[in-house]
Amino acid sequence: MGVSPDSLQSHRMFKEANGLPFPLASDADQRVIKLYDVQRSLLIKRPKRVTYLIDREGVVRGVFRHELAIGGHQGDVLQGLKTLNDRDSDS
C-alpha cells in the first residue's frame, strides 16, 4: 500500500498511469506520516520518501530511505520483498 498526503483523485490517476497493483491511501491530515516519522522540516512541504515492509503479522521487516539515492530505491525494496517472501515460504 502506498500512502501520501495527495488527494484520492491524484492517487487514482497515478495508479492508473503507472499500472500499480496495490492500493494508494490518502493521508490528508498526515496522521500516518507523523506516526511513521516521515515528515520533513517546516520549510519543505512534502513528506520524506520512505518504504516500510510490513509482514502479515504487522511486524516491520524493512525500512528503506532513499532521499538522495532515489535510483536505488526500487531495487532495494524489491530485494527486501523477495527476502520477506522467501522467509514466509520457508515457514
Protein backbone atom coordinates (compact mmCIF):
# COMPACT_ATOMS: atom_id res chain seq x y z
CA MET A 1 0.00 0.00 0.00
CA GLY A 2 1.23 3.48 -0.78
CA VAL A 3 0.41 6.42 1.48
CA SER A 4 0.86 10.12 0.82
CA PRO A 5 -0.98 13.35 1.60
CA ASP A 6 -2.12 13.59 -2.04
CA SER A 7 -5.84 13.51 -2.84
CA LEU A 8 -7.77 10.35 -3.70
CA GLN A 9 -8.24 11.69 -7.25
CA SER A 10 -4.49 12.22 -7.59
CA HIS A 11 -3.86 8.67 -6.34
CA ARG A 12 -6.41 7.25 -8.77
CA MET A 13 -4.77 8.97 -11.74
CA PHE A 14 -1.22 8.00 -10.60
CA LYS A 15 -2.23 4.37 -10.07
CA GLU A 16 -3.87 4.14 -13.49
CA ALA A 17 -1.00 5.91 -15.28
CA ASN A 18 1.59 3.59 -13.72
CA GLY A 19 -0.40 0.35 -13.58
CA LEU A 20 0.21 -0.11 -9.86
CA PRO A 21 -1.02 -3.45 -8.47
CA PHE A 22 -1.53 -2.15 -4.92
CA PRO A 23 -3.80 0.41 -3.25
CA LEU A 24 -2.85 4.01 -2.54
CA ALA A 25 -4.24 5.78 0.52
CA SER A 26 -4.64 9.50 1.09
CA ASP A 27 -3.25 10.78 4.39
CA ALA A 28 -4.58 14.33 4.06
CA ASP A 29 -4.36 15.01 7.81
CA GLN A 30 -0.83 13.46 7.86
CA ARG A 31 -1.52 11.22 10.87
CA VAL A 32 0.24 8.25 9.24
CA ILE A 33 3.12 10.46 8.10
CA LYS A 34 3.63 11.59 11.70
CA LEU A 35 3.13 8.07 13.12
CA TYR A 36 5.90 6.69 10.89
CA ASP A 37 8.09 9.78 11.41
CA VAL A 38 8.43 10.74 7.76
CA GLN A 39 7.51 14.41 7.97
CA ARG A 40 10.10 16.93 6.86
CA SER A 41 11.02 20.26 8.35
CA LEU A 42 8.61 23.18 8.18
CA LEU A 43 10.44 24.57 5.12
CA ILE A 44 9.77 21.54 2.91
CA LYS A 45 6.10 20.76 2.35
CA ARG A 46 6.37 17.15 1.14
CA PRO A 47 6.94 14.10 3.38
CA LYS A 48 10.11 12.04 3.04
CA ARG A 49 10.20 9.09 0.65
CA VAL A 50 10.30 6.02 2.86
CA THR A 51 9.12 2.47 2.24
CA TYR A 52 8.24 0.16 5.12
CA LEU A 53 7.95 -3.58 4.53
CA ILE A 54 5.38 -4.93 6.98
CA ASP A 55 4.69 -8.65 7.18
CA ARG A 56 1.31 -10.33 7.53
CA GLU A 57 1.57 -10.19 11.32
CA GLY A 58 2.09 -6.42 11.25
CA VAL A 59 5.81 -6.53 12.08
CA VAL A 60 8.03 -4.01 10.27
CA ARG A 61 10.64 -6.13 8.46
CA GLY A 62 12.40 -3.45 6.45
CA VAL A 63 12.73 0.32 6.20
CA PHE A 64 14.09 1.91 3.02
CA ARG A 65 15.03 5.61 3.00
CA HIS A 66 16.38 6.91 -0.28
CA GLU A 67 16.12 10.69 -0.27
CA LEU A 68 19.41 11.23 -2.09
CA ALA A 69 19.90 7.96 -4.00
CA ILE A 70 16.32 7.51 -5.21
CA GLY A 71 17.50 5.46 -8.21
CA GLY A 72 18.32 2.54 -5.91
CA HIS A 73 15.02 2.64 -4.05
CA GLN A 74 13.04 0.31 -6.29
CA GLY A 75 15.77 -2.36 -6.47
CA ASP A 76 16.37 -2.29 -2.72
CA VAL A 77 12.66 -2.57 -1.93
CA LEU A 78 12.18 -5.41 -4.44
CA GLN A 79 15.11 -7.29 -2.87
CA GLY A 80 13.55 -6.74 0.56
CA LEU A 81 10.23 -8.10 -0.70
CA LYS A 82 11.99 -11.16 -2.15
CA THR A 83 13.75 -11.80 1.15
CA LEU A 84 10.47 -11.42 3.05
CA ASN A 85 8.68 -13.71 0.60
CA ASP A 86 11.46 -16.32 0.82
CA ARG A 87 11.25 -16.19 4.64
CA ASP A 88 7.47 -16.69 4.51
CA SER A 89 7.87 -19.61 2.05
CA ASP A 90 10.28 -21.36 4.42
CA SER A 91 7.80 -21.17 7.32
